[in-house]
mmCIF file of all heavy atoms, coordinates in Angstrom:
data_MODEL
# 
_entry.id   MODEL 
# 
loop_
_atom_site.group_PDB 
_atom_site.id 
_atom_site.type_symbol 
_atom_site.label_atom_id 
_atom_site.label_alt_id 
_atom_site.label_comp_id 
_atom_site.label_asym_id 
_atom_site.label_entity_id 
_atom_site.label_seq_id 
_atom_site.pdbx_PDB_ins_code 
_atom_site.Cartn_x 
_atom_site.Cartn_y 
_atom_site.Cartn_z 
_atom_site.occupancy 
_atom_site.B_iso_or_equiv 
_atom_site.pdbx_formal_charge 
_atom_site.auth_seq_id 
_atom_site.auth_comp_id 
_atom_site.auth_asym_id 
_atom_site.auth_atom_id 
_atom_site.pdbx_PDB_model_num 
ATOM 1   N N   . ALA A 1 1  ? 225.447 84.755 180.043 1.00 0.00 ? 1  ALA A N   1 
ATOM 2   C CA  . ALA A 1 1  ? 226.431 84.203 180.937 1.00 0.00 ? 1  ALA A CA  1 
ATOM 3   C C   . ALA A 1 1  ? 227.401 83.207 180.262 1.00 0.00 ? 1  ALA A C   1 
ATOM 4   O O   . ALA A 1 1  ? 228.536 83.229 180.604 1.00 0.00 ? 1  ALA A O   1 
ATOM 5   C CB  . ALA A 1 1  ? 225.673 83.500 182.134 1.00 0.00 ? 1  ALA A CB  1 
ATOM 6   N N   . LEU A 1 2  ? 226.789 82.480 179.299 1.00 0.00 ? 2  LEU A N   1 
ATOM 7   C CA  . LEU A 1 2  ? 227.641 81.452 178.601 1.00 0.00 ? 2  LEU A CA  1 
ATOM 8   C C   . LEU A 1 2  ? 228.577 82.287 177.649 1.00 0.00 ? 2  LEU A C   1 
ATOM 9   O O   . LEU A 1 2  ? 229.791 81.862 177.711 1.00 0.00 ? 2  LEU A O   1 
ATOM 10  C CB  . LEU A 1 2  ? 226.792 80.569 177.766 1.00 0.00 ? 2  LEU A CB  1 
ATOM 11  C CG  . LEU A 1 2  ? 227.489 79.687 176.812 1.00 0.00 ? 2  LEU A CG  1 
ATOM 12  C CD1 . LEU A 1 2  ? 228.489 78.804 177.511 1.00 0.00 ? 2  LEU A CD1 1 
ATOM 13  C CD2 . LEU A 1 2  ? 226.501 78.710 176.079 1.00 0.00 ? 2  LEU A CD2 1 
ATOM 14  N N   . LEU A 1 3  ? 228.190 83.381 177.206 1.00 0.00 ? 3  LEU A N   1 
ATOM 15  C CA  . LEU A 1 3  ? 229.168 84.168 176.304 1.00 0.00 ? 3  LEU A CA  1 
ATOM 16  C C   . LEU A 1 3  ? 230.235 84.697 177.155 1.00 0.00 ? 3  LEU A C   1 
ATOM 17  O O   . LEU A 1 3  ? 231.373 84.733 176.748 1.00 0.00 ? 3  LEU A O   1 
ATOM 18  C CB  . LEU A 1 3  ? 228.374 85.368 175.564 1.00 0.00 ? 3  LEU A CB  1 
ATOM 19  C CG  . LEU A 1 3  ? 227.332 84.882 174.600 1.00 0.00 ? 3  LEU A CG  1 
ATOM 20  C CD1 . LEU A 1 3  ? 226.687 86.158 173.911 1.00 0.00 ? 3  LEU A CD1 1 
ATOM 21  C CD2 . LEU A 1 3  ? 227.935 84.169 173.388 1.00 0.00 ? 3  LEU A CD2 1 
ATOM 22  N N   . ASP A 1 4  ? 229.848 85.272 178.333 1.00 0.00 ? 4  ASP A N   1 
ATOM 23  C CA  . ASP A 1 4  ? 230.892 85.752 179.225 1.00 0.00 ? 4  ASP A CA  1 
ATOM 24  C C   . ASP A 1 4  ? 231.902 84.716 179.710 1.00 0.00 ? 4  ASP A C   1 
ATOM 25  O O   . ASP A 1 4  ? 233.099 85.156 179.621 1.00 0.00 ? 4  ASP A O   1 
ATOM 26  C CB  . ASP A 1 4  ? 230.150 86.226 180.509 1.00 0.00 ? 4  ASP A CB  1 
ATOM 27  C CG  . ASP A 1 4  ? 229.248 87.493 180.342 1.00 0.00 ? 4  ASP A CG  1 
ATOM 28  O OD1 . ASP A 1 4  ? 229.555 88.178 179.309 1.00 0.00 ? 4  ASP A OD1 1 
ATOM 29  O OD2 . ASP A 1 4  ? 228.472 87.784 181.156 1.00 0.00 ? 4  ASP A OD2 1 
ATOM 30  N N   . GLU A 1 5  ? 231.520 83.535 179.942 1.00 0.00 ? 5  GLU A N   1 
ATOM 31  C CA  . GLU A 1 5  ? 232.402 82.552 180.399 1.00 0.00 ? 5  GLU A CA  1 
ATOM 32  C C   . GLU A 1 5  ? 233.246 81.976 179.194 1.00 0.00 ? 5  GLU A C   1 
ATOM 33  O O   . GLU A 1 5  ? 234.431 81.812 179.261 1.00 0.00 ? 5  GLU A O   1 
ATOM 34  C CB  . GLU A 1 5  ? 231.746 81.305 181.051 1.00 0.00 ? 5  GLU A CB  1 
ATOM 35  C CG  . GLU A 1 5  ? 232.775 80.271 181.557 1.00 0.00 ? 5  GLU A CG  1 
ATOM 36  C CD  . GLU A 1 5  ? 232.134 79.052 182.213 1.00 0.00 ? 5  GLU A CD  1 
ATOM 37  O OE1 . GLU A 1 5  ? 231.141 79.255 182.844 1.00 0.00 ? 5  GLU A OE1 1 
ATOM 38  O OE2 . GLU A 1 5  ? 232.800 77.918 182.118 1.00 0.00 ? 5  GLU A OE2 1 
ATOM 39  N N   . PHE A 1 6  ? 232.541 81.540 178.003 1.00 0.00 ? 6  PHE A N   1 
ATOM 40  C CA  . PHE A 1 6  ? 233.286 80.796 177.014 1.00 0.00 ? 6  PHE A CA  1 
ATOM 41  C C   . PHE A 1 6  ? 234.036 81.758 175.982 1.00 0.00 ? 6  PHE A C   1 
ATOM 42  O O   . PHE A 1 6  ? 235.015 81.438 175.538 1.00 0.00 ? 6  PHE A O   1 
ATOM 43  C CB  . PHE A 1 6  ? 232.249 79.940 176.340 1.00 0.00 ? 6  PHE A CB  1 
ATOM 44  C CG  . PHE A 1 6  ? 232.860 79.205 175.212 1.00 0.00 ? 6  PHE A CG  1 
ATOM 45  C CD1 . PHE A 1 6  ? 233.766 78.105 175.540 1.00 0.00 ? 6  PHE A CD1 1 
ATOM 46  C CD2 . PHE A 1 6  ? 232.578 79.272 173.835 1.00 0.00 ? 6  PHE A CD2 1 
ATOM 47  C CE1 . PHE A 1 6  ? 234.320 77.293 174.550 1.00 0.00 ? 6  PHE A CE1 1 
ATOM 48  C CE2 . PHE A 1 6  ? 233.069 78.504 172.866 1.00 0.00 ? 6  PHE A CE2 1 
ATOM 49  C CZ  . PHE A 1 6  ? 234.008 77.547 173.171 1.00 0.00 ? 6  PHE A CZ  1 
ATOM 50  N N   . LYS A 1 7  ? 233.504 82.902 175.783 1.00 0.00 ? 7  LYS A N   1 
ATOM 51  C CA  . LYS A 1 7  ? 234.098 84.028 174.997 1.00 0.00 ? 7  LYS A CA  1 
ATOM 52  C C   . LYS A 1 7  ? 234.307 83.415 173.529 1.00 0.00 ? 7  LYS A C   1 
ATOM 53  O O   . LYS A 1 7  ? 235.499 83.310 173.075 1.00 0.00 ? 7  LYS A O   1 
ATOM 54  C CB  . LYS A 1 7  ? 235.373 84.576 175.498 1.00 0.00 ? 7  LYS A CB  1 
ATOM 55  C CG  . LYS A 1 7  ? 235.163 85.266 176.923 1.00 0.00 ? 7  LYS A CG  1 
ATOM 56  C CD  . LYS A 1 7  ? 236.446 85.871 177.350 1.00 0.00 ? 7  LYS A CD  1 
ATOM 57  C CE  . LYS A 1 7  ? 236.287 86.503 178.714 1.00 0.00 ? 7  LYS A CE  1 
ATOM 58  N NZ  . LYS A 1 7  ? 235.115 86.491 179.519 1.00 0.00 ? 7  LYS A NZ  1 
ATOM 59  N N   . PRO A 1 8  ? 233.252 83.112 172.940 1.00 0.00 ? 8  PRO A N   1 
ATOM 60  C CA  . PRO A 1 8  ? 233.407 82.408 171.476 1.00 0.00 ? 8  PRO A CA  1 
ATOM 61  C C   . PRO A 1 8  ? 233.883 83.389 170.441 1.00 0.00 ? 8  PRO A C   1 
ATOM 62  O O   . PRO A 1 8  ? 233.617 84.634 170.542 1.00 0.00 ? 8  PRO A O   1 
ATOM 63  C CB  . PRO A 1 8  ? 232.010 81.878 171.179 1.00 0.00 ? 8  PRO A CB  1 
ATOM 64  C CG  . PRO A 1 8  ? 231.151 82.853 171.910 1.00 0.00 ? 8  PRO A CG  1 
ATOM 65  C CD  . PRO A 1 8  ? 231.855 83.133 173.192 1.00 0.00 ? 8  PRO A CD  1 
ATOM 66  N N   . ASP A 1 9  ? 234.528 82.809 169.465 1.00 0.00 ? 9  ASP A N   1 
ATOM 67  C CA  . ASP A 1 9  ? 234.932 83.573 168.376 1.00 0.00 ? 9  ASP A CA  1 
ATOM 68  C C   . ASP A 1 9  ? 233.782 83.565 167.293 1.00 0.00 ? 9  ASP A C   1 
ATOM 69  O O   . ASP A 1 9  ? 233.542 84.456 166.560 1.00 0.00 ? 9  ASP A O   1 
ATOM 70  C CB  . ASP A 1 9  ? 236.158 83.044 167.524 1.00 0.00 ? 9  ASP A CB  1 
ATOM 71  C CG  . ASP A 1 9  ? 237.373 82.965 168.450 1.00 0.00 ? 9  ASP A CG  1 
ATOM 72  O OD1 . ASP A 1 9  ? 237.798 84.087 168.914 1.00 0.00 ? 9  ASP A OD1 1 
ATOM 73  O OD2 . ASP A 1 9  ? 237.874 81.924 168.738 1.00 0.00 ? 9  ASP A OD2 1 
ATOM 74  N N   . VAL A 1 10 ? 233.011 82.479 167.363 1.00 0.00 ? 10 VAL A N   1 
ATOM 75  C CA  . VAL A 1 10 ? 231.836 82.334 166.480 1.00 0.00 ? 10 VAL A CA  1 
ATOM 76  C C   . VAL A 1 10 ? 230.747 81.670 167.181 1.00 0.00 ? 10 VAL A C   1 
ATOM 77  O O   . VAL A 1 10 ? 231.048 80.806 167.909 1.00 0.00 ? 10 VAL A O   1 
ATOM 78  C CB  . VAL A 1 10 ? 232.276 81.348 165.275 1.00 0.00 ? 10 VAL A CB  1 
ATOM 79  C CG1 . VAL A 1 10 ? 231.081 81.026 164.288 1.00 0.00 ? 10 VAL A CG1 1 
ATOM 80  C CG2 . VAL A 1 10 ? 233.397 81.955 164.438 1.00 0.00 ? 10 VAL A CG2 1 
ATOM 81  N N   . VAL A 1 11 ? 229.478 82.027 166.887 1.00 0.00 ? 11 VAL A N   1 
ATOM 82  C CA  . VAL A 1 11 ? 228.292 81.392 167.429 1.00 0.00 ? 11 VAL A CA  1 
ATOM 83  C C   . VAL A 1 11 ? 227.610 80.810 166.126 1.00 0.00 ? 11 VAL A C   1 
ATOM 84  O O   . VAL A 1 11 ? 227.377 81.488 165.323 1.00 0.00 ? 11 VAL A O   1 
ATOM 85  C CB  . VAL A 1 11 ? 227.370 82.323 168.086 1.00 0.00 ? 11 VAL A CB  1 
ATOM 86  C CG1 . VAL A 1 11 ? 225.999 81.734 168.460 1.00 0.00 ? 11 VAL A CG1 1 
ATOM 87  C CG2 . VAL A 1 11 ? 228.006 82.903 169.349 1.00 0.00 ? 11 VAL A CG2 1 
ATOM 88  N N   . HIS A 1 12 ? 227.422 79.549 166.219 1.00 0.00 ? 12 HIS A N   1 
ATOM 89  C CA  . HIS A 1 12 ? 226.830 78.841 165.095 1.00 0.00 ? 12 HIS A CA  1 
ATOM 90  C C   . HIS A 1 12 ? 225.444 78.334 165.494 1.00 0.00 ? 12 HIS A C   1 
ATOM 91  O O   . HIS A 1 12 ? 225.298 77.447 166.359 1.00 0.00 ? 12 HIS A O   1 
ATOM 92  C CB  . HIS A 1 12 ? 227.593 77.544 164.645 1.00 0.00 ? 12 HIS A CB  1 
ATOM 93  C CG  . HIS A 1 12 ? 227.101 76.894 163.329 1.00 0.00 ? 12 HIS A CG  1 
ATOM 94  N ND1 . HIS A 1 12 ? 227.747 75.881 162.806 1.00 0.00 ? 12 HIS A ND1 1 
ATOM 95  C CD2 . HIS A 1 12 ? 225.900 77.061 162.731 1.00 0.00 ? 12 HIS A CD2 1 
ATOM 96  C CE1 . HIS A 1 12 ? 226.963 75.430 161.737 1.00 0.00 ? 12 HIS A CE1 1 
ATOM 97  N NE2 . HIS A 1 12 ? 225.863 76.108 161.806 1.00 0.00 ? 12 HIS A NE2 1 
ATOM 98  N N   . LEU A 1 13 ? 224.335 79.009 164.932 1.00 0.00 ? 13 LEU A N   1 
ATOM 99  C CA  . LEU A 1 13 ? 223.008 78.705 165.320 1.00 0.00 ? 13 LEU A CA  1 
ATOM 100 C C   . LEU A 1 13 ? 222.432 77.620 164.359 1.00 0.00 ? 13 LEU A C   1 
ATOM 101 O O   . LEU A 1 13 ? 222.758 77.586 163.125 1.00 0.00 ? 13 LEU A O   1 
ATOM 102 C CB  . LEU A 1 13 ? 222.145 79.920 165.173 1.00 0.00 ? 13 LEU A CB  1 
ATOM 103 C CG  . LEU A 1 13 ? 222.692 81.166 165.925 1.00 0.00 ? 13 LEU A CG  1 
ATOM 104 C CD1 . LEU A 1 13 ? 221.803 82.329 165.590 1.00 0.00 ? 13 LEU A CD1 1 
ATOM 105 C CD2 . LEU A 1 13 ? 222.744 80.855 167.376 1.00 0.00 ? 13 LEU A CD2 1 
ATOM 106 N N   . ASN A 1 14 ? 221.584 76.753 164.881 1.00 0.00 ? 14 ASN A N   1 
ATOM 107 C CA  . ASN A 1 14 ? 220.886 75.796 164.060 1.00 0.00 ? 14 ASN A CA  1 
ATOM 108 C C   . ASN A 1 14 ? 219.429 75.871 164.337 1.00 0.00 ? 14 ASN A C   1 
ATOM 109 O O   . ASN A 1 14 ? 218.899 77.003 164.119 1.00 0.00 ? 14 ASN A O   1 
ATOM 110 C CB  . ASN A 1 14 ? 221.497 74.413 164.474 1.00 0.00 ? 14 ASN A CB  1 
ATOM 111 C CG  . ASN A 1 14 ? 222.813 74.189 163.836 1.00 0.00 ? 14 ASN A CG  1 
ATOM 112 O OD1 . ASN A 1 14 ? 223.106 74.011 162.847 1.00 0.00 ? 14 ASN A OD1 1 
ATOM 113 N ND2 . ASN A 1 14 ? 223.789 74.327 164.719 1.00 0.00 ? 14 ASN A ND2 1 
ATOM 114 N N   . ASN A 1 15 ? 218.733 74.887 164.795 1.00 0.00 ? 15 ASN A N   1 
ATOM 115 C CA  . ASN A 1 15 ? 217.242 74.973 165.010 1.00 0.00 ? 15 ASN A CA  1 
ATOM 116 C C   . ASN A 1 15 ? 217.088 75.639 166.377 1.00 0.00 ? 15 ASN A C   1 
ATOM 117 O O   . ASN A 1 15 ? 217.080 74.958 167.389 1.00 0.00 ? 15 ASN A O   1 
ATOM 118 C CB  . ASN A 1 15 ? 216.655 73.664 164.848 1.00 0.00 ? 15 ASN A CB  1 
ATOM 119 C CG  . ASN A 1 15 ? 215.655 73.493 163.781 1.00 0.00 ? 15 ASN A CG  1 
ATOM 120 O OD1 . ASN A 1 15 ? 215.284 74.634 163.193 1.00 0.00 ? 15 ASN A OD1 1 
ATOM 121 N ND2 . ASN A 1 15 ? 215.255 72.260 163.540 1.00 0.00 ? 15 ASN A ND2 1 
ATOM 122 N N   . ILE A 1 16 ? 216.799 76.926 166.384 1.00 0.00 ? 16 ILE A N   1 
ATOM 123 C CA  . ILE A 1 16 ? 216.708 77.641 167.674 1.00 0.00 ? 16 ILE A CA  1 
ATOM 124 C C   . ILE A 1 16 ? 215.393 78.376 167.814 1.00 0.00 ? 16 ILE A C   1 
ATOM 125 O O   . ILE A 1 16 ? 215.087 78.720 168.932 1.00 0.00 ? 16 ILE A O   1 
ATOM 126 C CB  . ILE A 1 16 ? 217.856 78.628 167.882 1.00 0.00 ? 16 ILE A CB  1 
ATOM 127 C CG1 . ILE A 1 16 ? 217.733 79.705 166.722 1.00 0.00 ? 16 ILE A CG1 1 
ATOM 128 C CG2 . ILE A 1 16 ? 219.097 77.998 167.824 1.00 0.00 ? 16 ILE A CG2 1 
ATOM 129 C CD1 . ILE A 1 16 ? 218.414 80.995 167.072 1.00 0.00 ? 16 ILE A CD1 1 
ATOM 130 N N   . HIS A 1 17 ? 214.516 78.446 166.822 1.00 0.00 ? 17 HIS A N   1 
ATOM 131 C CA  . HIS A 1 17 ? 213.381 79.354 166.862 1.00 0.00 ? 17 HIS A CA  1 
ATOM 132 C C   . HIS A 1 17 ? 212.426 79.240 167.922 1.00 0.00 ? 17 HIS A C   1 
ATOM 133 O O   . HIS A 1 17 ? 212.096 80.146 168.584 1.00 0.00 ? 17 HIS A O   1 
ATOM 134 C CB  . HIS A 1 17 ? 212.583 79.277 165.520 1.00 0.00 ? 17 HIS A CB  1 
ATOM 135 C CG  . HIS A 1 17 ? 213.261 78.635 164.371 1.00 0.00 ? 17 HIS A CG  1 
ATOM 136 N ND1 . HIS A 1 17 ? 213.118 77.303 164.211 1.00 0.00 ? 17 HIS A ND1 1 
ATOM 137 C CD2 . HIS A 1 17 ? 214.093 79.031 163.482 1.00 0.00 ? 17 HIS A CD2 1 
ATOM 138 C CE1 . HIS A 1 17 ? 213.908 77.013 163.150 1.00 0.00 ? 17 HIS A CE1 1 
ATOM 139 N NE2 . HIS A 1 17 ? 214.468 78.041 162.639 1.00 0.00 ? 17 HIS A NE2 1 
ATOM 140 N N   . THR A 1 18 ? 211.920 78.030 168.214 1.00 0.00 ? 18 THR A N   1 
ATOM 141 C CA  . THR A 1 18 ? 210.862 77.930 169.235 1.00 0.00 ? 18 THR A CA  1 
ATOM 142 C C   . THR A 1 18 ? 211.345 77.672 170.597 1.00 0.00 ? 18 THR A C   1 
ATOM 143 O O   . THR A 1 18 ? 211.007 78.321 171.541 1.00 0.00 ? 18 THR A O   1 
ATOM 144 C CB  . THR A 1 18 ? 209.768 76.752 168.782 1.00 0.00 ? 18 THR A CB  1 
ATOM 145 O OG1 . THR A 1 18 ? 209.382 77.012 167.371 1.00 0.00 ? 18 THR A OG1 1 
ATOM 146 C CG2 . THR A 1 18 ? 208.677 76.725 169.725 1.00 0.00 ? 18 THR A CG2 1 
ATOM 147 N N   . GLN A 1 19 ? 212.233 76.644 170.709 1.00 0.00 ? 19 GLN A N   1 
ATOM 148 C CA  . GLN A 1 19 ? 212.815 76.260 172.086 1.00 0.00 ? 19 GLN A CA  1 
ATOM 149 C C   . GLN A 1 19 ? 213.762 77.156 172.692 1.00 0.00 ? 19 GLN A C   1 
ATOM 150 O O   . GLN A 1 19 ? 213.941 77.391 173.866 1.00 0.00 ? 19 GLN A O   1 
ATOM 151 C CB  . GLN A 1 19 ? 213.332 74.862 172.043 1.00 0.00 ? 19 GLN A CB  1 
ATOM 152 C CG  . GLN A 1 19 ? 212.170 73.850 171.977 1.00 0.00 ? 19 GLN A CG  1 
ATOM 153 C CD  . GLN A 1 19 ? 211.605 73.594 170.580 1.00 0.00 ? 19 GLN A CD  1 
ATOM 154 O OE1 . GLN A 1 19 ? 211.978 74.178 169.559 1.00 0.00 ? 19 GLN A OE1 1 
ATOM 155 N NE2 . GLN A 1 19 ? 210.673 72.671 170.497 1.00 0.00 ? 19 GLN A NE2 1 
ATOM 156 N N   . LEU A 1 20 ? 214.525 77.930 171.842 1.00 0.00 ? 20 LEU A N   1 
ATOM 157 C CA  . LEU A 1 20 ? 215.385 78.909 172.288 1.00 0.00 ? 20 LEU A CA  1 
ATOM 158 C C   . LEU A 1 20 ? 214.914 80.363 171.919 1.00 0.00 ? 20 LEU A C   1 
ATOM 159 O O   . LEU A 1 20 ? 213.894 80.705 172.445 1.00 0.00 ? 20 LEU A O   1 
ATOM 160 C CB  . LEU A 1 20 ? 216.846 78.550 171.793 1.00 0.00 ? 20 LEU A CB  1 
ATOM 161 C CG  . LEU A 1 20 ? 217.399 77.147 172.279 1.00 0.00 ? 20 LEU A CG  1 
ATOM 162 C CD1 . LEU A 1 20 ? 218.701 76.951 171.528 1.00 0.00 ? 20 LEU A CD1 1 
ATOM 163 C CD2 . LEU A 1 20 ? 217.636 77.303 173.735 1.00 0.00 ? 20 LEU A CD2 1 
ATOM 164 N N   . SER A 1 21 ? 215.662 80.948 170.986 1.00 0.00 ? 21 SER A N   1 
ATOM 165 C CA  . SER A 1 21 ? 215.084 82.246 170.492 1.00 0.00 ? 21 SER A CA  1 
ATOM 166 C C   . SER A 1 21 ? 215.994 82.934 169.600 1.00 0.00 ? 21 SER A C   1 
ATOM 167 O O   . SER A 1 21 ? 217.197 82.878 169.760 1.00 0.00 ? 21 SER A O   1 
ATOM 168 C CB  . SER A 1 21 ? 214.793 83.289 171.647 1.00 0.00 ? 21 SER A CB  1 
ATOM 169 O OG  . SER A 1 21 ? 214.405 84.533 171.063 1.00 0.00 ? 21 SER A OG  1 
ATOM 170 N N   . PRO A 1 22 ? 215.577 83.581 168.394 1.00 0.00 ? 22 PRO A N   1 
ATOM 171 C CA  . PRO A 1 22 ? 216.377 84.089 167.539 1.00 0.00 ? 22 PRO A CA  1 
ATOM 172 C C   . PRO A 1 22 ? 217.061 85.391 168.164 1.00 0.00 ? 22 PRO A C   1 
ATOM 173 O O   . PRO A 1 22 ? 218.126 85.879 167.670 1.00 0.00 ? 22 PRO A O   1 
ATOM 174 C CB  . PRO A 1 22 ? 215.495 84.680 166.379 1.00 0.00 ? 22 PRO A CB  1 
ATOM 175 C CG  . PRO A 1 22 ? 214.285 83.657 166.478 1.00 0.00 ? 22 PRO A CG  1 
ATOM 176 C CD  . PRO A 1 22 ? 214.141 83.337 167.938 1.00 0.00 ? 22 PRO A CD  1 
ATOM 177 N N   . ILE A 1 23 ? 216.619 85.809 169.404 1.00 0.00 ? 23 ILE A N   1 
ATOM 178 C CA  . ILE A 1 23 ? 217.229 86.956 170.037 1.00 0.00 ? 23 ILE A CA  1 
ATOM 179 C C   . ILE A 1 23 ? 218.772 86.606 170.362 1.00 0.00 ? 23 ILE A C   1 
ATOM 180 O O   . ILE A 1 23 ? 219.586 87.512 170.431 1.00 0.00 ? 23 ILE A O   1 
ATOM 181 C CB  . ILE A 1 23 ? 216.503 87.210 171.480 1.00 0.00 ? 23 ILE A CB  1 
ATOM 182 C CG1 . ILE A 1 23 ? 216.909 88.632 171.840 1.00 0.00 ? 23 ILE A CG1 1 
ATOM 183 C CG2 . ILE A 1 23 ? 216.701 86.108 172.474 1.00 0.00 ? 23 ILE A CG2 1 
ATOM 184 C CD1 . ILE A 1 23 ? 216.345 89.651 171.199 1.00 0.00 ? 23 ILE A CD1 1 
ATOM 185 N N   . ILE A 1 24 ? 219.072 85.340 170.392 1.00 0.00 ? 24 ILE A N   1 
ATOM 186 C CA  . ILE A 1 24 ? 220.541 84.952 170.765 1.00 0.00 ? 24 ILE A CA  1 
ATOM 187 C C   . ILE A 1 24 ? 221.440 85.372 169.576 1.00 0.00 ? 24 ILE A C   1 
ATOM 188 O O   . ILE A 1 24 ? 222.546 85.728 169.819 1.00 0.00 ? 24 ILE A O   1 
ATOM 189 C CB  . ILE A 1 24 ? 220.661 83.581 171.155 1.00 0.00 ? 24 ILE A CB  1 
ATOM 190 C CG1 . ILE A 1 24 ? 220.433 82.627 169.953 1.00 0.00 ? 24 ILE A CG1 1 
ATOM 191 C CG2 . ILE A 1 24 ? 219.929 83.151 172.329 1.00 0.00 ? 24 ILE A CG2 1 
ATOM 192 C CD1 . ILE A 1 24 ? 220.751 81.070 170.308 1.00 0.00 ? 24 ILE A CD1 1 
ATOM 193 N N   . ALA A 1 25 ? 220.940 85.433 168.347 1.00 0.00 ? 25 ALA A N   1 
ATOM 194 C CA  . ALA A 1 25 ? 221.782 85.943 167.229 1.00 0.00 ? 25 ALA A CA  1 
ATOM 195 C C   . ALA A 1 25 ? 222.130 87.437 167.515 1.00 0.00 ? 25 ALA A C   1 
ATOM 196 O O   . ALA A 1 25 ? 223.303 87.888 167.343 1.00 0.00 ? 25 ALA A O   1 
ATOM 197 C CB  . ALA A 1 25 ? 221.064 85.739 165.880 1.00 0.00 ? 25 ALA A CB  1 
ATOM 198 N N   . GLU A 1 26 ? 221.103 88.202 167.884 1.00 0.00 ? 26 GLU A N   1 
ATOM 199 C CA  . GLU A 1 26 ? 221.259 89.649 168.152 1.00 0.00 ? 26 GLU A CA  1 
ATOM 200 C C   . GLU A 1 26 ? 222.168 89.784 169.397 1.00 0.00 ? 26 GLU A C   1 
ATOM 201 O O   . GLU A 1 26 ? 223.107 90.761 169.211 1.00 0.00 ? 26 GLU A O   1 
ATOM 202 C CB  . GLU A 1 26 ? 219.925 90.314 168.522 1.00 0.00 ? 26 GLU A CB  1 
ATOM 203 C CG  . GLU A 1 26 ? 220.046 91.721 168.545 1.00 0.00 ? 26 GLU A CG  1 
ATOM 204 C CD  . GLU A 1 26 ? 218.692 92.436 168.894 1.00 0.00 ? 26 GLU A CD  1 
ATOM 205 O OE1 . GLU A 1 26 ? 217.631 91.818 168.526 1.00 0.00 ? 26 GLU A OE1 1 
ATOM 206 O OE2 . GLU A 1 26 ? 218.678 93.509 169.292 1.00 0.00 ? 26 GLU A OE2 1 
ATOM 207 N N   . LEU A 1 27 ? 222.017 89.110 170.352 1.00 0.00 ? 27 LEU A N   1 
ATOM 208 C CA  . LEU A 1 27 ? 222.952 89.126 171.544 1.00 0.00 ? 27 LEU A CA  1 
ATOM 209 C C   . LEU A 1 27 ? 224.482 88.982 171.199 1.00 0.00 ? 27 LEU A C   1 
ATOM 210 O O   . LEU A 1 27 ? 225.239 89.712 171.685 1.00 0.00 ? 27 LEU A O   1 
ATOM 211 C CB  . LEU A 1 27 ? 222.452 88.251 172.662 1.00 0.00 ? 27 LEU A CB  1 
ATOM 212 C CG  . LEU A 1 27 ? 221.048 88.600 173.247 1.00 0.00 ? 27 LEU A CG  1 
ATOM 213 C CD1 . LEU A 1 27 ? 220.694 87.376 174.192 1.00 0.00 ? 27 LEU A CD1 1 
ATOM 214 C CD2 . LEU A 1 27 ? 221.156 89.869 174.000 1.00 0.00 ? 27 LEU A CD2 1 
ATOM 215 N N   . ALA A 1 28 ? 224.616 87.923 170.395 1.00 0.00 ? 28 ALA A N   1 
ATOM 216 C CA  . ALA A 1 28 ? 225.979 87.683 169.876 1.00 0.00 ? 28 ALA A CA  1 
ATOM 217 C C   . ALA A 1 28 ? 226.486 88.761 169.074 1.00 0.00 ? 28 ALA A C   1 
ATOM 218 O O   . ALA A 1 28 ? 227.700 89.214 169.233 1.00 0.00 ? 28 ALA A O   1 
ATOM 219 C CB  . ALA A 1 28 ? 226.152 86.347 169.266 1.00 0.00 ? 28 ALA A CB  1 
# 
């Protein structure tokens, strides 16, 4: 939903492993 609204050119991931998920790299 955030990708749909914001439409980023780049997604910059930092510490995401436990509280978010590496799946967001794949979704982007």
